[in-house]
Amino acid sequence: MASVYLEKVMPENNMRRFYFISDERQSTFTGYPVTIIFGRISERASFVTKIFPSEAMATRYVRKQLRIRHRHHYSVVKPRYLRDRQDSKPVQLGLFPF
């Protein structure tokens, strides 16, 4: 799994959040990086990069993050920049890959 884009939009609660989880799947000199970018849609985002000593540990961390986001009702969707129109609704791409 290379990268996953997740959204949670609830207009009645004024909630518009996203997560982008990227598993680099390649070893650097220090280990296997996993980057998570998160924040409010159309706002400045935050990011965290964690380095793991093995690919198995990196994959375990990504799967754990996906389980947490699934529990909090995030949907796997196509990123906004890949959608046809700017005002198009998110299209759920399928089940969580875990």
PDB file of N, CA and C in Angstrom:
ATOM      1  N   MET A   1       0.855  -1.166   0.000  1.00  0.00           N
ATOM      2  CA  MET A   1       0.000   0.000   0.000  1.00  0.00           C
ATOM      3  C   MET A   1       0.903   1.232   0.000  1.00  0.00           C
ATOM      4  N   ALA A   2       0.864   1.993  -1.050  1.00  0.00           N
ATOM      5  CA  ALA A   2       1.760   3.138  -1.185  1.00  0.00           C
ATOM      6  C   ALA A   2       1.249   4.355  -0.422  1.00  0.00           C
ATOM      7  N   SER A   3       0.002   4.770  -0.677  1.00  0.00           N
ATOM      8  CA  SER A   3      -0.548   5.923   0.029  1.00  0.00           C
ATOM      9  C   SER A   3      -2.069   5.849   0.015  1.00  0.00           C
ATOM     10  N   VAL A   4      -2.671   6.459   1.039  1.00  0.00           N
ATOM     11  CA  VAL A   4      -4.126   6.438   1.193  1.00  0.00           C
ATOM     12  C   VAL A   4      -4.573   7.837   1.593  1.00  0.00           C
ATOM     13  N   TYR A   5      -5.641   8.338   0.940  1.00  0.00           N
ATOM     14  CA  TYR A   5      -6.223   9.631   1.276  1.00  0.00           C
ATOM     15  C   TYR A   5      -7.578   9.376   1.936  1.00  0.00           C
ATOM     16  N   LEU A   6      -7.792   9.961   3.117  1.00  0.00           N
ATOM     17  CA  LEU A   6      -9.014   9.768   3.892  1.00  0.00           C
ATOM     18  C   LEU A   6      -9.669  11.116   4.174  1.00  0.00           C
ATOM     19  N   GLU A   7     -10.994  11.131   4.180  1.00  0.00           N
ATOM     20  CA  GLU A   7     -11.732  12.348   4.515  1.00  0.00           C
ATOM     21  C   GLU A   7     -12.864  12.028   5.469  1.00  0.00           C
ATOM     22  N   LYS A   8     -13.204  13.047   6.266  1.00  0.00           N
ATOM     23  CA  LYS A   8     -14.387  12.993   7.118  1.00  0.00           C
ATOM     24  C   LYS A   8     -15.039  14.360   7.029  1.00  0.00           C
ATOM     25  N   VAL A   9     -16.212  14.411   6.377  1.00  0.00           N
ATOM     26  CA  VAL A   9     -16.922  15.677   6.195  1.00  0.00           C
ATOM     27  C   VAL A   9     -18.302  15.533   6.814  1.00  0.00           C
ATOM     28  N   MET A  10     -18.577  16.372   7.817  1.00  0.00           N
ATOM     29  CA  MET A  10     -19.879  16.414   8.483  1.00  0.00           C
ATOM     30  C   MET A  10     -20.290  17.873   8.600  1.00  0.00           C
ATOM     31  N   PRO A  11     -21.013  18.412   7.598  1.00  0.00           N
ATOM     32  CA  PRO A  11     -21.372  19.835   7.615  1.00  0.00           C
ATOM     33  C   PRO A  11     -22.170  20.256   8.850  1.00  0.00           C
ATOM     34  N   GLU A  12     -23.006  19.369   9.370  1.00  0.00           N
ATOM     35  CA  GLU A  12     -23.827  19.743  10.531  1.00  0.00           C
ATOM     36  C   GLU A  12     -22.972  19.989  11.775  1.00  0.00           C
ATOM     37  N   ASN A  13     -21.786  19.415  11.822  1.00  0.00           N
ATOM     38  CA  ASN A  13     -20.859  19.634  12.944  1.00  0.00           C
ATOM     39  C   ASN A  13     -19.699  20.549  12.574  1.00  0.00           C
ATOM     40  N   ASN A  14     -19.746  21.125  11.374  1.00  0.00           N
ATOM     41  CA  ASN A  14     -18.674  21.979  10.868  1.00  0.00           C
ATOM     42  C   ASN A  14     -17.328  21.231  10.874  1.00  0.00           C
ATOM     43  N   MET A  15     -17.365  19.970  10.450  1.00  0.00           N
ATOM     44  CA  MET A  15     -16.175  19.118  10.449  1.00  0.00           C
ATOM     45  C   MET A  15     -15.775  18.796   9.016  1.00  0.00           C
ATOM     46  N   ARG A  16     -14.538  19.159   8.657  1.00  0.00           N
ATOM     47  CA  ARG A  16     -13.993  18.889   7.315  1.00  0.00           C
ATOM     48  C   ARG A  16     -12.524  18.508   7.487  1.00  0.00           C
ATOM     49  N   ARG A  17     -12.263  17.234   7.746  1.00  0.00           N
ATOM     50  CA  ARG A  17     -10.910  16.772   8.048  1.00  0.00           C
ATOM     51  C   ARG A  17     -10.385  15.832   6.974  1.00  0.00           C
ATOM     52  N   PHE A  18      -9.067  15.740   6.907  1.00  0.00           N
ATOM     53  CA  PHE A  18      -8.459  14.787   5.984  1.00  0.00           C
ATOM     54  C   PHE A  18      -7.198  14.199   6.599  1.00  0.00           C
ATOM     55  N   TYR A  19      -6.829  13.021   6.117  1.00  0.00           N
ATOM     56  CA  TYR A  19      -5.576  12.356   6.461  1.00  0.00           C
ATOM     57  C   TYR A  19      -4.988  11.815   5.171  1.00  0.00           C
ATOM     58  N   PHE A  20      -3.699  11.935   5.014  1.00  0.00           N
ATOM     59  CA  PHE A  20      -2.983  11.327   3.903  1.00  0.00           C
ATOM     60  C   PHE A  20      -1.859  10.506   4.516  1.00  0.00           C
ATOM     61  N   ILE A  21      -1.923   9.202   4.354  1.00  0.00           N
ATOM     62  CA  ILE A  21      -0.945   8.298   4.947  1.00  0.00           C
ATOM     63  C   ILE A  21      -0.113   7.707   3.818  1.00  0.00           C
ATOM     64  N   SER A  22       1.181   7.917   3.879  1.00  0.00           N
ATOM     65  CA  SER A  22       2.085   7.471   2.821  1.00  0.00           C
ATOM     66  C   SER A  22       3.146   6.538   3.390  1.00  0.00           C
ATOM     67  N   ASP A  23       3.158   5.327   2.869  1.00  0.00           N
ATOM     68  CA  ASP A  23       4.167   4.335   3.229  1.00  0.00           C
ATOM     69  C   ASP A  23       5.157   4.300   2.072  1.00  0.00           C
ATOM     70  N   GLU A  24       6.371   4.767   2.289  1.00  0.00           N
ATOM     71  CA  GLU A  24       7.330   4.941   1.203  1.00  0.00           C
ATOM     72  C   GLU A  24       7.794   3.624   0.582  1.00  0.00           C
ATOM     73  N   ARG A  25       7.718   2.530   1.323  1.00  0.00           N
ATOM     74  CA  ARG A  25       8.101   1.206   0.828  1.00  0.00           C
ATOM     75  C   ARG A  25       9.527   1.118   0.302  1.00  0.00           C
ATOM     76  N   GLN A  26      10.366   1.951   0.806  1.00  0.00           N
ATOM     77  CA  GLN A  26      11.768   1.876   0.414  1.00  0.00           C
ATOM     78  C   GLN A  26      12.621   2.225   1.620  1.00  0.00           C
ATOM     79  N   SER A  27      13.744   1.629   1.687  1.00  0.00           N
ATOM     80  CA  SER A  27      14.626   1.851   2.816  1.00  0.00           C
ATOM     81  C   SER A  27      15.496   3.079   2.572  1.00  0.00           C
ATOM     82  N   THR A  28      15.613   3.910   3.588  1.00  0.00           N
ATOM     83  CA  THR A  28      16.571   5.002   3.543  1.00  0.00           C
ATOM     84  C   THR A  28      17.777   4.556   4.359  1.00  0.00           C
ATOM     85  N   PHE A  29      18.709   5.417   4.567  1.00  0.00           N
ATOM     86  CA  PHE A  29      19.873   5.055   5.364  1.00  0.00           C
ATOM     87  C   PHE A  29      19.513   4.797   6.820  1.00  0.00           C
ATOM     88  N   THR A  30      18.402   5.388   7.256  1.00  0.00           N
ATOM     89  CA  THR A  30      18.020   5.246   8.661  1.00  0.00           C
ATOM     90  C   THR A  30      16.889   4.265   8.886  1.00  0.00           C
ATOM     91  N   GLY A  31      16.148   3.861   7.862  1.00  0.00           N
ATOM     92  CA  GLY A  31      15.046   2.927   8.039  1.00  0.00           C
ATOM     93  C   GLY A  31      13.945   3.122   7.015  1.00  0.00           C
ATOM     94  N   TYR A  32      12.719   2.764   7.389  1.00  0.00           N
ATOM     95  CA  TYR A  32      11.555   2.830   6.508  1.00  0.00           C
ATOM     96  C   TYR A  32      10.635   3.960   6.962  1.00  0.00           C
ATOM     97  N   PRO A  33      10.496   5.032   6.165  1.00  0.00           N
ATOM     98  CA  PRO A  33       9.679   6.178   6.591  1.00  0.00           C
ATOM     99  C   PRO A  33       8.191   5.999   6.299  1.00  0.00           C
ATOM    100  N   VAL A  34       7.358   6.515   7.194  1.00  0.00           N
ATOM    101  CA  VAL A  34       5.911   6.616   7.016  1.00  0.00           C
ATOM    102  C   VAL A  34       5.555   8.062   7.313  1.00  0.00           C
ATOM    103  N   THR A  35       4.878   8.720   6.358  1.00  0.00           N
ATOM    104  CA  THR A  35       4.495  10.119   6.524  1.00  0.00           C
ATOM    105  C   THR A  35       2.984  10.220   6.621  1.00  0.00           C
ATOM    106  N   ILE A  36       2.519  10.999   7.593  1.00  0.00           N
ATOM    107  CA  ILE A  36       1.090  11.266   7.760  1.00  0.00           C
ATOM    108  C   ILE A  36       0.893  12.775   7.685  1.00  0.00           C
ATOM    109  N   ILE A  37       0.051  13.202   6.749  1.00  0.00           N
ATOM    110  CA  ILE A  37      -0.323  14.613   6.611  1.00  0.00           C
ATOM    111  C   ILE A  37      -1.789  14.704   7.009  1.00  0.00           C
ATOM    112  N   PHE A  38      -2.133  15.645   7.880  1.00  0.00           N
ATOM    113  CA  PHE A  38      -3.502  15.720   8.373  1.00  0.00           C
ATOM    114  C   PHE A  38      -3.876  17.159   8.656  1.00  0.00           C
ATOM    115  N   GLY A  39      -5.186  17.402   8.712  1.00  0.00           N
ATOM    116  CA  GLY A  39      -5.672  18.732   9.043  1.00  0.00           C
ATOM    117  C   GLY A  39      -7.076  18.957   8.557  1.00  0.00           C
ATOM    118  N   ARG A  40      -7.464  20.211   8.572  1.00  0.00           N
ATOM    119  CA  ARG A  40      -8.777  20.615   8.089  1.00  0.00           C
ATOM    120  C   ARG A  40      -8.674  20.880   6.589  1.00  0.00           C
ATOM    121  N   ILE A  41      -9.666  20.428   5.841  1.00  0.00           N
ATOM    122  CA  ILE A  41      -9.663  20.616   4.389  1.00  0.00           C
ATOM    123  C   ILE A  41      -9.640  22.113   4.081  1.00  0.00           C
ATOM    124  N   SER A  42      -8.809  22.501   3.134  1.00  0.00           N
ATOM    125  CA  SER A  42      -8.629  23.890   2.686  1.00  0.00           C
ATOM    126  C   SER A  42      -7.935  24.766   3.724  1.00  0.00           C
ATOM    127  N   GLU A  43      -7.291  24.164   4.688  1.00  0.00           N
ATOM    128  CA  GLU A  43      -6.529  24.895   5.694  1.00  0.00           C
ATOM    129  C   GLU A  43      -5.095  24.385   5.671  1.00  0.00           C
ATOM    130  N   ARG A  44      -4.249  25.013   6.429  1.00  0.00           N
ATOM    131  CA  ARG A  44      -2.859  24.583   6.529  1.00  0.00           C
ATOM    132  C   ARG A  44      -2.780  23.229   7.229  1.00  0.00           C
ATOM    133  N   ALA A  45      -2.015  22.332   6.676  1.00  0.00           N
ATOM    134  CA  ALA A  45      -1.924  20.969   7.205  1.00  0.00           C
ATOM    135  C   ALA A  45      -0.694  20.795   8.082  1.00  0.00           C
ATOM    136  N   SER A  46      -0.725  19.760   8.886  1.00  0.00           N
ATOM    137  CA  SER A  46       0.420  19.352   9.703  1.00  0.00           C
ATOM    138  C   SER A  46       0.905  18.018   9.183  1.00  0.00           C
ATOM    139  N   PHE A  47       2.163  17.693   9.459  1.00  0.00           N
ATOM    140  CA  PHE A  47       2.641  16.391   9.034  1.00  0.00           C
ATOM    141  C   PHE A  47       3.611  15.816  10.052  1.00  0.00           C
ATOM    142  N   VAL A  48       3.654  14.487  10.051  1.00  0.00           N
ATOM    143  CA  VAL A  48       4.527  13.741  10.936  1.00  0.00           C
ATOM    144  C   VAL A  48       5.187  12.659  10.088  1.00  0.00           C
ATOM    145  N   THR A  49       6.502  12.519  10.202  1.00  0.00           N
ATOM    146  CA  THR A  49       7.214  11.435   9.537  1.00  0.00           C
ATOM    147  C   THR A  49       7.887  10.601  10.609  1.00  0.00           C
ATOM    148  N   LYS A  50       7.605   9.311  10.582  1.00  0.00           N
ATOM    149  CA  LYS A  50       8.221   8.384  11.529  1.00  0.00           C
ATOM    150  C   LYS A  50       9.081   7.410  10.743  1.00  0.00           C
ATOM    151  N   ILE A  51      10.227   7.082  11.294  1.00  0.00           N
ATOM    152  CA  ILE A  51      11.163   6.153  10.669  1.00  0.00           C
ATOM    153  C   ILE A  51      11.142   4.850  11.471  1.00  0.00           C
ATOM    154  N   PHE A  52      10.974   3.728  10.776  1.00  0.00           N
ATOM    155  CA  PHE A  52      10.932   2.431  11.430  1.00  0.00           C
ATOM    156  C   PHE A  52      12.117   1.588  10.978  1.00  0.00           C
ATOM    157  N   PRO A  53      12.653   0.738  11.860  1.00  0.00           N
ATOM    158  CA  PRO A  53      13.827  -0.063  11.510  1.00  0.00           C
ATOM    159  C   PRO A  53      13.533  -1.186  10.517  1.00  0.00           C
ATOM    160  N   SER A  54      12.261  -1.616  10.420  1.00  0.00           N
ATOM    161  CA  SER A  54      11.943  -2.695   9.481  1.00  0.00           C
ATOM    162  C   SER A  54      10.669  -2.360   8.713  1.00  0.00           C
ATOM    163  N   GLU A  55      10.535  -2.970   7.556  1.00  0.00           N
ATOM    164  CA  GLU A  55       9.345  -2.750   6.736  1.00  0.00           C
ATOM    165  C   GLU A  55       8.102  -3.302   7.430  1.00  0.00           C
ATOM    166  N   ALA A  56       8.249  -4.393   8.148  1.00  0.00           N
ATOM    167  CA  ALA A  56       7.116  -4.986   8.872  1.00  0.00           C
ATOM    168  C   ALA A  56       6.577  -4.038   9.934  1.00  0.00           C
ATOM    169  N   MET A  57       7.457  -3.365  10.647  1.00  0.00           N
ATOM    170  CA  MET A  57       7.013  -2.409  11.671  1.00  0.00           C
ATOM    171  C   MET A  57       6.322  -1.211  11.031  1.00  0.00           C
ATOM    172  N   ALA A  58       6.819  -0.757   9.886  1.00  0.00           N
ATOM    173  CA  ALA A  58       6.200   0.366   9.177  1.00  0.00           C
ATOM    174  C   ALA A  58       4.803  -0.021   8.700  1.00  0.00           C
ATOM    175  N   THR A  59       4.660  -1.210   8.148  1.00  0.00           N
ATOM    176  CA  THR A  59       3.361  -1.683   7.672  1.00  0.00           C
ATOM    177  C   THR A  59       2.391  -1.844   8.827  1.00  0.00           C
ATOM    178  N   ARG A  60       2.853  -2.345   9.950  1.00  0.00           N
ATOM    179  CA  ARG A  60       2.011  -2.499  11.136  1.00  0.00           C
ATOM    180  C   ARG A  60       1.498  -1.136  11.606  1.00  0.00           C
ATOM    181  N   TYR A  61       2.367  -0.123  11.584  1.00  0.00           N
ATOM    182  CA  TYR A  61       1.974   1.230  12.000  1.00  0.00           C
ATOM    183  C   TYR A  61       0.914   1.807  11.052  1.00  0.00           C
ATOM    184  N   VAL A  62       1.100   1.620   9.745  1.00  0.00           N
ATOM    185  CA  VAL A  62       0.124   2.130   8.770  1.00  0.00           C
ATOM    186  C   VAL A  62      -1.222   1.456   8.986  1.00  0.00           C
ATOM    187  N   ARG A  63      -1.230   0.151   9.152  1.00  0.00           N
ATOM    188  CA  ARG A  63      -2.481  -0.574   9.371  1.00  0.00           C
ATOM    189  C   ARG A  63      -3.165  -0.118  10.666  1.00  0.00           C
ATOM    190  N   LYS A  64      -2.401   0.148  11.701  1.00  0.00           N
ATOM    191  CA  LYS A  64      -2.967   0.629  12.959  1.00  0.00           C
ATOM    192  C   LYS A  64      -3.622   1.993  12.759  1.00  0.00           C
ATOM    193  N   GLN A  65      -2.943   2.884  12.027  1.00  0.00           N
ATOM    194  CA  GLN A  65      -3.509   4.205  11.752  1.00  0.00           C
ATOM    195  C   GLN A  65      -4.795   4.097  10.937  1.00  0.00           C
ATOM    196  N   LEU A  66      -4.825   3.186   9.969  1.00  0.00           N
ATOM    197  CA  LEU A  66      -6.036   2.997   9.165  1.00  0.00           C
ATOM    198  C   LEU A  66      -7.187   2.456  10.012  1.00  0.00           C
ATOM    199  N   ARG A  67      -6.900   1.548  10.931  1.00  0.00           N
ATOM    200  CA  ARG A  67      -7.949   1.035  11.820  1.00  0.00           C
ATOM    201  C   ARG A  67      -8.514   2.151  12.694  1.00  0.00           C
ATOM    202  N   ILE A  68      -7.635   3.017  13.199  1.00  0.00           N
ATOM    203  CA  ILE A  68      -8.091   4.142  14.034  1.00  0.00           C
ATOM    204  C   ILE A  68      -8.976   5.077  13.228  1.00  0.00           C
ATOM    205  N   ARG A  69      -8.555   5.425  12.017  1.00  0.00           N
ATOM    206  CA  ARG A  69      -9.348   6.344  11.189  1.00  0.00           C
ATOM    207  C   ARG A  69     -10.670   5.700  10.784  1.00  0.00           C
ATOM    208  N   HIS A  70     -10.680   4.398  10.529  1.00  0.00           N
ATOM    209  CA  HIS A  70     -11.916   3.698  10.196  1.00  0.00           C
ATOM    210  C   HIS A  70     -12.886   3.743  11.379  1.00  0.00           C
ATOM    211  N   ARG A  71     -12.367   3.558  12.580  1.00  0.00           N
ATOM    212  CA  ARG A  71     -13.187   3.620  13.796  1.00  0.00           C
ATOM    213  C   ARG A  71     -13.798   5.005  13.976  1.00  0.00           C
ATOM    214  N   HIS A  72     -13.085   6.052  13.521  1.00  0.00           N
ATOM    215  CA  HIS A  72     -13.589   7.426  13.618  1.00  0.00           C
ATOM    216  C   HIS A  72     -14.361   7.856  12.376  1.00  0.00           C
ATOM    217  N   HIS A  73     -14.779   6.898  11.558  1.00  0.00           N
ATOM    218  CA  HIS A  73     -15.677   7.110  10.416  1.00  0.00           C
ATOM    219  C   HIS A  73     -15.068   7.932   9.274  1.00  0.00           C
ATOM    220  N   TYR A  74     -13.770   7.789   9.041  1.00  0.00           N
ATOM    221  CA  TYR A  74     -13.160   8.397   7.863  1.00  0.00           C
ATOM    222  C   TYR A  74     -13.422   7.494   6.664  1.00  0.00           C
ATOM    223  N   SER A  75     -13.479   8.080   5.471  1.00  0.00           N
ATOM    224  CA  SER A  75     -13.696   7.322   4.239  1.00  0.00           C
ATOM    225  C   SER A  75     -12.476   7.438   3.352  1.00  0.00           C
ATOM    226  N   VAL A  76     -12.147   6.353   2.671  1.00  0.00           N
ATOM    227  CA  VAL A  76     -11.081   6.380   1.675  1.00  0.00           C
ATOM    228  C   VAL A  76     -11.682   6.981   0.414  1.00  0.00           C
ATOM    229  N   VAL A  77     -11.151   8.124  -0.022  1.00  0.00           N
ATOM    230  CA  VAL A  77     -11.712   8.823  -1.185  1.00  0.00           C
ATOM    231  C   VAL A  77     -10.592   9.241  -2.132  1.00  0.00           C
ATOM    232  N   LYS A  78     -11.007   9.663  -3.314  1.00  0.00           N
ATOM    233  CA  LYS A  78     -10.061  10.207  -4.278  1.00  0.00           C
ATOM    234  C   LYS A  78      -9.681  11.610  -3.829  1.00  0.00           C
ATOM    235  N   PRO A  79      -8.397  11.970  -3.822  1.00  0.00           N
ATOM    236  CA  PRO A  79      -7.992  13.312  -3.400  1.00  0.00           C
ATOM    237  C   PRO A  79      -8.653  14.408  -4.242  1.00  0.00           C
ATOM    238  N   ARG A  80      -8.856  15.556  -3.647  1.00  0.00           N
ATOM    239  CA  ARG A  80      -9.550  16.656  -4.325  1.00  0.00           C
ATOM    240  C   ARG A  80      -8.884  17.072  -5.628  1.00  0.00           C
ATOM    241  N   TYR A  81      -7.578  17.047  -5.677  1.00  0.00           N
ATOM    242  CA  TYR A  81      -6.899  17.494  -6.889  1.00  0.00           C
ATOM    243  C   TYR A  81      -7.041  16.500  -8.041  1.00  0.00           C
ATOM    244  N   LEU A  82      -7.538  15.290  -7.776  1.00  0.00           N
ATOM    245  CA  LEU A  82      -7.762  14.307  -8.833  1.00  0.00           C
ATOM    246  C   LEU A  82      -9.227  14.203  -9.251  1.00  0.00           C
ATOM    247  N   ARG A  83     -10.102  14.937  -8.593  1.00  0.00           N
ATOM    248  CA  ARG A  83     -11.519  14.895  -8.934  1.00  0.00           C
ATOM    249  C   ARG A  83     -11.788  15.740 -10.167  1.00  0.00           C
ATOM    250  N   ASP A  84     -12.925  15.487 -10.824  1.00  0.00           N
ATOM    251  CA  ASP A  84     -13.271  16.183 -12.058  1.00  0.00           C
ATOM    252  C   ASP A  84     -13.497  17.672 -11.857  1.00  0.00           C
ATOM    253  N   ARG A  85     -14.318  18.021 -10.894  1.00  0.00           N
ATOM    254  CA  ARG A  85     -14.627  19.420 -10.632  1.00  0.00           C
ATOM    255  C   ARG A  85     -14.267  19.778  -9.212  1.00  0.00           C
ATOM    256  N   GLN A  86     -14.080  21.043  -8.975  1.00  0.00           N
ATOM    257  CA  GLN A  86     -13.711  21.514  -7.631  1.00  0.00           C
ATOM    258  C   GLN A  86     -14.842  21.278  -6.634  1.00  0.00           C
ATOM    259  N   ASP A  87     -16.099  21.402  -7.109  1.00  0.00           N
ATOM    260  CA  ASP A  87     -17.226  21.264  -6.181  1.00  0.00           C
ATOM    261  C   ASP A  87     -17.801  19.849  -6.164  1.00  0.00           C
ATOM    262  N   SER A  88     -17.125  18.896  -6.784  1.00  0.00           N
ATOM    263  CA  SER A  88     -17.644  17.535  -6.806  1.00  0.00           C
ATOM    264  C   SER A  88     -17.540  16.885  -5.432  1.00  0.00           C
ATOM    265  N   LYS A  89     -18.475  16.008  -5.169  1.00  0.00           N
ATOM    266  CA  LYS A  89     -18.507  15.328  -3.875  1.00  0.00           C
ATOM    267  C   LYS A  89     -17.469  14.215  -3.851  1.00  0.00           C
ATOM    268  N   PRO A  90     -16.990  13.839  -2.666  1.00  0.00           N
ATOM    269  CA  PRO A  90     -16.023  12.744  -2.573  1.00  0.00           C
ATOM    270  C   PRO A  90     -16.639  11.436  -3.022  1.00  0.00           C
ATOM    271  N   VAL A  91     -15.868  10.637  -3.699  1.00  0.00           N
ATOM    272  CA  VAL A  91     -16.298   9.322  -4.152  1.00  0.00           C
ATOM    273  C   VAL A  91     -15.529   8.298  -3.324  1.00  0.00           C
ATOM    274  N   GLN A  92     -16.287   7.495  -2.576  1.00  0.00           N
ATOM    275  CA  GLN A  92     -15.616   6.499  -1.749  1.00  0.00           C
ATOM    276  C   GLN A  92     -15.050   5.422  -2.659  1.00  0.00           C
ATOM    277  N   LEU A  93     -13.765   5.112  -2.475  1.00  0.00           N
ATOM    278  CA  LEU A  93     -13.069   4.193  -3.354  1.00  0.00           C
ATOM    279  C   LEU A  93     -13.193   2.749  -2.922  1.00  0.00           C
ATOM    280  N   GLY A  94     -13.615   2.481  -1.742  1.00  0.00           N
ATOM    281  CA  GLY A  94     -13.759   1.095  -1.318  1.00  0.00           C
ATOM    282  C   GLY A  94     -13.501   0.936   0.166  1.00  0.00           C
ATOM    283  N   LEU A  95     -13.365  -0.299   0.543  1.00  0.00           N
ATOM    284  CA  LEU A  95     -13.120  -0.616   1.944  1.00  0.00           C
ATOM    285  C   LEU A  95     -11.702  -0.287   2.335  1.00  0.00           C
ATOM    286  N   PHE A  96     -11.481  -0.205   3.596  1.00  0.00           N
ATOM    287  CA  PHE A  96     -10.139   0.034   4.108  1.00  0.00           C
ATOM    288  C   PHE A  96      -9.256  -1.146   3.764  1.00  0.00           C
ATOM    289  N   PRO A  97      -8.049  -0.902   3.292  1.00  0.00           N
ATOM    290  CA  PRO A  97      -7.162  -1.999   2.881  1.00  0.00           C
ATOM    291  C   PRO A  97      -6.379  -2.615   4.040  1.00  0.00           C
ATOM    292  N   PHE A  98      -7.084  -3.140   5.039  1.00  0.00           N
ATOM    293  CA  PHE A  98      -6.364  -3.786   6.133  1.00  0.00           C
ATOM    294  C   PHE A  98      -6.943  -5.103   6.494  1.00  0.00           C
TER     295      PHE A  98
END
